[in-house]
Amino acid sequence: MEKTQNKNDWKSLVQGFVANMVERIGDNVSQKVQAWVKMLKRKTIGALLMIFGLFYLLIGASVYLNSVLGKFVPGLGYITVGVLAVLIGYLVGNNKSQE
């Protein structure tokens, strides 16, 4: 009878240890996922604000250039900024040296 009791004690001890480890691992994973989601939200908001700001910067530059260069050729400021934006986007998108 004592051997089965001793066996049950060891079994419950191991089960408690394993349950405790699984609970700690679950808590750790949960904390890391929450931190990752929080960081992802911040980076997404930052990227959206940068895109929004860049959009207005390009609009401002094109309006300014159009007011300066538009006296000679109407719309030249918008065309200049548009071509520069497309060219930079093309160069950044096809940068093969980083592959």
N, C-alpha and C. Protein backbone atom coordinates (compact mmCIF):
# COMPACT_ATOMS: atom_id res chain seq x y z
N MET A 1 0.82 -1.19 0.00
CA MET A 1 0.00 0.00 0.00
C MET A 1 0.87 1.26 0.00
N GLU A 2 1.99 1.20 0.72
CA GLU A 2 2.86 2.36 0.82
C GLU A 2 3.54 2.67 -0.52
N LYS A 3 3.84 1.63 -1.32
CA LYS A 3 4.47 1.84 -2.62
C LYS A 3 3.53 2.57 -3.58
N THR A 4 2.26 2.19 -3.56
CA THR A 4 1.31 2.87 -4.45
C THR A 4 1.10 4.31 -3.99
N GLN A 5 1.11 4.53 -2.70
CA GLN A 5 0.97 5.90 -2.18
C GLN A 5 2.18 6.73 -2.59
N ASN A 6 3.38 6.15 -2.47
CA ASN A 6 4.61 6.83 -2.85
C ASN A 6 4.61 7.12 -4.35
N LYS A 7 4.11 6.15 -5.15
CA LYS A 7 4.02 6.32 -6.59
C LYS A 7 3.05 7.45 -6.94
N ASN A 8 1.93 7.51 -6.26
CA ASN A 8 0.93 8.56 -6.49
C ASN A 8 1.48 9.93 -6.10
N ASP A 9 2.28 9.97 -5.03
CA ASP A 9 2.89 11.23 -4.62
C ASP A 9 3.83 11.75 -5.69
N TRP A 10 4.67 10.85 -6.21
CA TRP A 10 5.59 11.26 -7.29
C TRP A 10 4.82 11.70 -8.53
N LYS A 11 3.79 10.96 -8.84
CA LYS A 11 2.97 11.28 -10.02
C LYS A 11 2.34 12.66 -9.87
N SER A 12 1.77 12.96 -8.73
CA SER A 12 1.15 14.27 -8.52
C SER A 12 2.20 15.38 -8.48
N LEU A 13 3.38 15.08 -7.95
CA LEU A 13 4.46 16.06 -7.92
C LEU A 13 4.91 16.41 -9.34
N VAL A 14 5.10 15.38 -10.19
CA VAL A 14 5.51 15.61 -11.58
C VAL A 14 4.41 16.34 -12.34
N GLN A 15 3.16 15.95 -12.15
CA GLN A 15 2.05 16.62 -12.82
C GLN A 15 1.96 18.09 -12.40
N GLY A 16 2.16 18.36 -11.14
CA GLY A 16 2.14 19.75 -10.67
C GLY A 16 3.27 20.56 -11.27
N PHE A 17 4.45 19.94 -11.33
CA PHE A 17 5.61 20.62 -11.92
C PHE A 17 5.37 20.93 -13.40
N VAL A 18 4.88 19.94 -14.15
CA VAL A 18 4.61 20.13 -15.58
C VAL A 18 3.51 21.18 -15.78
N ALA A 19 2.48 21.14 -14.99
CA ALA A 19 1.40 22.12 -15.11
C ALA A 19 1.91 23.53 -14.83
N ASN A 20 2.79 23.65 -13.82
CA ASN A 20 3.36 24.95 -13.50
C ASN A 20 4.22 25.47 -14.65
N MET A 21 5.03 24.59 -15.24
CA MET A 21 5.89 24.99 -16.37
C MET A 21 5.05 25.42 -17.58
N VAL A 22 4.00 24.65 -17.89
CA VAL A 22 3.14 24.98 -19.03
C VAL A 22 2.45 26.33 -18.79
N GLU A 23 2.03 26.57 -17.56
CA GLU A 23 1.38 27.84 -17.24
C GLU A 23 2.37 29.01 -17.40
N ARG A 24 3.60 28.84 -16.95
CA ARG A 24 4.60 29.90 -17.08
C ARG A 24 4.94 30.17 -18.55
N ILE A 25 5.07 29.09 -19.33
CA ILE A 25 5.36 29.26 -20.76
C ILE A 25 4.20 29.98 -21.44
N GLY A 26 2.97 29.61 -21.10
CA GLY A 26 1.80 30.27 -21.68
C GLY A 26 1.75 31.75 -21.33
N ASP A 27 2.05 32.08 -20.08
CA ASP A 27 2.08 33.49 -19.67
C ASP A 27 3.16 34.26 -20.40
N ASN A 28 4.33 33.65 -20.56
CA ASN A 28 5.45 34.30 -21.23
C ASN A 28 5.11 34.56 -22.70
N VAL A 29 4.53 33.56 -23.36
CA VAL A 29 4.15 33.73 -24.76
C VAL A 29 3.09 34.81 -24.89
N SER A 30 2.13 34.81 -23.99
CA SER A 30 1.07 35.82 -24.02
C SER A 30 1.64 37.23 -23.86
N GLN A 31 2.58 37.40 -22.96
CA GLN A 31 3.19 38.71 -22.75
C GLN A 31 3.98 39.15 -23.98
N LYS A 32 4.70 38.22 -24.60
CA LYS A 32 5.47 38.56 -25.80
C LYS A 32 4.56 38.92 -26.96
N VAL A 33 3.46 38.22 -27.11
CA VAL A 33 2.51 38.53 -28.19
C VAL A 33 1.88 39.90 -27.95
N GLN A 34 1.52 40.21 -26.73
CA GLN A 34 0.94 41.52 -26.42
C GLN A 34 1.94 42.63 -26.70
N ALA A 35 3.20 42.43 -26.35
CA ALA A 35 4.23 43.44 -26.62
C ALA A 35 4.44 43.61 -28.12
N TRP A 36 4.42 42.51 -28.87
CA TRP A 36 4.59 42.56 -30.32
C TRP A 36 3.43 43.30 -30.98
N VAL A 37 2.21 43.04 -30.53
CA VAL A 37 1.03 43.73 -31.10
C VAL A 37 1.11 45.22 -30.80
N LYS A 38 1.52 45.58 -29.60
CA LYS A 38 1.65 46.99 -29.23
C LYS A 38 2.70 47.68 -30.10
N MET A 39 3.84 47.02 -30.33
CA MET A 39 4.89 47.58 -31.18
C MET A 39 4.40 47.70 -32.62
N LEU A 40 3.67 46.69 -33.09
CA LEU A 40 3.14 46.71 -34.46
C LEU A 40 2.16 47.86 -34.65
N LYS A 41 1.32 48.12 -33.66
CA LYS A 41 0.39 49.24 -33.74
C LYS A 41 1.15 50.56 -33.83
N ARG A 42 2.16 50.74 -33.00
CA ARG A 42 2.94 51.98 -33.02
C ARG A 42 3.63 52.18 -34.36
N LYS A 43 4.24 51.12 -34.89
CA LYS A 43 4.94 51.24 -36.16
C LYS A 43 3.97 51.51 -37.31
N THR A 44 2.80 50.90 -37.26
CA THR A 44 1.80 51.12 -38.31
C THR A 44 1.31 52.56 -38.28
N ILE A 45 1.01 53.07 -37.11
CA ILE A 45 0.56 54.47 -36.99
C ILE A 45 1.67 55.41 -37.44
N GLY A 46 2.90 55.13 -37.05
CA GLY A 46 4.03 55.97 -37.48
C GLY A 46 4.21 55.95 -38.99
N ALA A 47 4.10 54.78 -39.60
CA ALA A 47 4.25 54.68 -41.05
C ALA A 47 3.13 55.43 -41.77
N LEU A 48 1.91 55.31 -41.27
CA LEU A 48 0.78 56.02 -41.89
C LEU A 48 0.96 57.53 -41.79
N LEU A 49 1.43 58.00 -40.64
CA LEU A 49 1.66 59.44 -40.49
C LEU A 49 2.79 59.92 -41.40
N MET A 50 3.82 59.09 -41.57
CA MET A 50 4.91 59.47 -42.47
C MET A 50 4.41 59.54 -43.92
N ILE A 51 3.61 58.59 -44.32
CA ILE A 51 3.06 58.60 -45.68
C ILE A 51 2.17 59.81 -45.88
N PHE A 52 1.34 60.10 -44.89
CA PHE A 52 0.45 61.27 -44.96
C PHE A 52 1.26 62.55 -45.06
N GLY A 53 2.31 62.67 -44.25
CA GLY A 53 3.16 63.86 -44.30
C GLY A 53 3.91 63.98 -45.61
N LEU A 54 4.41 62.86 -46.13
CA LEU A 54 5.10 62.88 -47.41
C LEU A 54 4.16 63.29 -48.53
N PHE A 55 2.93 62.83 -48.46
CA PHE A 55 1.93 63.20 -49.45
C PHE A 55 1.75 64.73 -49.47
N TYR A 56 1.58 65.33 -48.31
CA TYR A 56 1.41 66.78 -48.25
C TYR A 56 2.69 67.53 -48.62
N LEU A 57 3.83 66.97 -48.29
CA LEU A 57 5.09 67.58 -48.69
C LEU A 57 5.21 67.62 -50.21
N LEU A 58 4.87 66.53 -50.86
CA LEU A 58 4.92 66.50 -52.31
C LEU A 58 3.91 67.46 -52.94
N ILE A 59 2.73 67.54 -52.35
CA ILE A 59 1.74 68.50 -52.85
C ILE A 59 2.25 69.92 -52.70
N GLY A 60 2.82 70.22 -51.54
CA GLY A 60 3.36 71.57 -51.32
C GLY A 60 4.49 71.90 -52.28
N ALA A 61 5.38 70.94 -52.49
CA ALA A 61 6.49 71.16 -53.42
C ALA A 61 5.98 71.37 -54.84
N SER A 62 4.98 70.60 -55.23
CA SER A 62 4.47 70.75 -56.59
C SER A 62 3.73 72.07 -56.77
N VAL A 63 2.99 72.52 -55.76
CA VAL A 63 2.31 73.81 -55.85
C VAL A 63 3.34 74.94 -55.90
N TYR A 64 4.38 74.84 -55.07
CA TYR A 64 5.42 75.86 -55.07
C TYR A 64 6.14 75.92 -56.42
N LEU A 65 6.57 74.76 -56.90
CA LEU A 65 7.25 74.73 -58.19
C LEU A 65 6.35 75.20 -59.32
N ASN A 66 5.08 74.87 -59.22
CA ASN A 66 4.15 75.32 -60.26
C ASN A 66 3.98 76.83 -60.22
N SER A 67 4.01 77.41 -59.01
CA SER A 67 3.89 78.87 -58.94
C SER A 67 5.14 79.55 -59.49
N VAL A 68 6.30 78.90 -59.35
CA VAL A 68 7.55 79.48 -59.86
C VAL A 68 7.73 79.17 -61.35
N LEU A 69 7.60 77.89 -61.70
CA LEU A 69 7.86 77.48 -63.07
C LEU A 69 6.61 77.53 -63.95
N GLY A 70 5.46 77.63 -63.33
CA GLY A 70 4.21 77.63 -64.09
C GLY A 70 3.99 78.87 -64.91
N LYS A 71 4.76 79.90 -64.64
CA LYS A 71 4.64 81.12 -65.43
C LYS A 71 5.10 80.86 -66.86
N PHE A 72 6.08 79.97 -66.99
CA PHE A 72 6.61 79.66 -68.32
C PHE A 72 5.81 78.54 -68.99
N VAL A 73 5.60 77.46 -68.25
CA VAL A 73 4.83 76.32 -68.76
C VAL A 73 3.83 75.92 -67.67
N PRO A 74 2.54 76.11 -67.89
CA PRO A 74 1.55 75.76 -66.86
C PRO A 74 1.60 74.26 -66.51
N GLY A 75 1.61 73.96 -65.24
CA GLY A 75 1.62 72.57 -64.76
C GLY A 75 3.00 71.96 -64.66
N LEU A 76 4.04 72.71 -64.93
CA LEU A 76 5.39 72.14 -64.92
C LEU A 76 5.83 71.70 -63.51
N GLY A 77 5.38 72.38 -62.48
CA GLY A 77 5.72 72.00 -61.11
C GLY A 77 5.14 70.65 -60.75
N TYR A 78 3.88 70.41 -61.13
CA TYR A 78 3.24 69.13 -60.84
C TYR A 78 3.93 68.00 -61.61
N ILE A 79 4.26 68.27 -62.85
CA ILE A 79 4.93 67.25 -63.66
C ILE A 79 6.31 66.94 -63.10
N THR A 80 7.04 67.96 -62.69
CA THR A 80 8.39 67.76 -62.16
C THR A 80 8.36 66.91 -60.89
N VAL A 81 7.50 67.24 -59.95
CA VAL A 81 7.41 66.48 -58.70
C VAL A 81 6.92 65.06 -58.97
N GLY A 82 5.97 64.91 -59.88
CA GLY A 82 5.46 63.58 -60.21
C GLY A 82 6.53 62.70 -60.81
N VAL A 83 7.30 63.24 -61.73
CA VAL A 83 8.37 62.47 -62.37
C VAL A 83 9.44 62.10 -61.35
N LEU A 84 9.81 63.03 -60.48
CA LEU A 84 10.80 62.72 -59.44
C LEU A 84 10.31 61.63 -58.49
N ALA A 85 9.03 61.70 -58.10
CA ALA A 85 8.48 60.68 -57.20
C ALA A 85 8.47 59.31 -57.87
N VAL A 86 8.07 59.25 -59.13
CA VAL A 86 8.06 57.98 -59.85
C VAL A 86 9.48 57.44 -60.01
N LEU A 87 10.42 58.31 -60.34
CA LEU A 87 11.81 57.89 -60.53
C LEU A 87 12.41 57.36 -59.23
N ILE A 88 12.19 58.06 -58.14
CA ILE A 88 12.72 57.60 -56.84
C ILE A 88 12.06 56.29 -56.44
N GLY A 89 10.76 56.17 -56.65
CA GLY A 89 10.07 54.91 -56.34
C GLY A 89 10.59 53.76 -57.17
N TYR A 90 10.87 54.02 -58.44
CA TYR A 90 11.42 52.98 -59.31
C TYR A 90 12.80 52.55 -58.86
N LEU A 91 13.64 53.52 -58.52
CA LEU A 91 15.01 53.21 -58.08
C LEU A 91 15.02 52.45 -56.75
N VAL A 92 14.16 52.85 -55.84
CA VAL A 92 14.10 52.17 -54.54
C VAL A 92 13.52 50.76 -54.72
N GLY A 93 12.51 50.63 -55.58
CA GLY A 93 11.87 49.32 -55.77
C GLY A 93 12.74 48.34 -56.52
N ASN A 94 13.65 48.81 -57.35
CA ASN A 94 14.49 47.91 -58.14
C ASN A 94 15.95 47.92 -57.70
N ASN A 95 16.19 48.18 -56.43
CA ASN A 95 17.55 48.18 -55.89
C ASN A 95 18.01 46.73 -55.74
N LYS A 96 18.82 46.24 -56.67
CA LYS A 96 19.24 44.83 -56.68
C LYS A 96 20.50 44.60 -55.85
N SER A 97 21.11 45.65 -55.36
CA SER A 97 22.35 45.47 -54.60
C SER A 97 22.08 44.92 -53.20
N GLN A 98 20.86 45.00 -52.70
CA GLN A 98 20.56 44.54 -51.35
C GLN A 98 20.02 43.12 -51.33
N GLU A 99 19.88 42.46 -52.45
CA GLU A 99 19.34 41.10 -52.47
C GLU A 99 20.33 40.07 -52.06
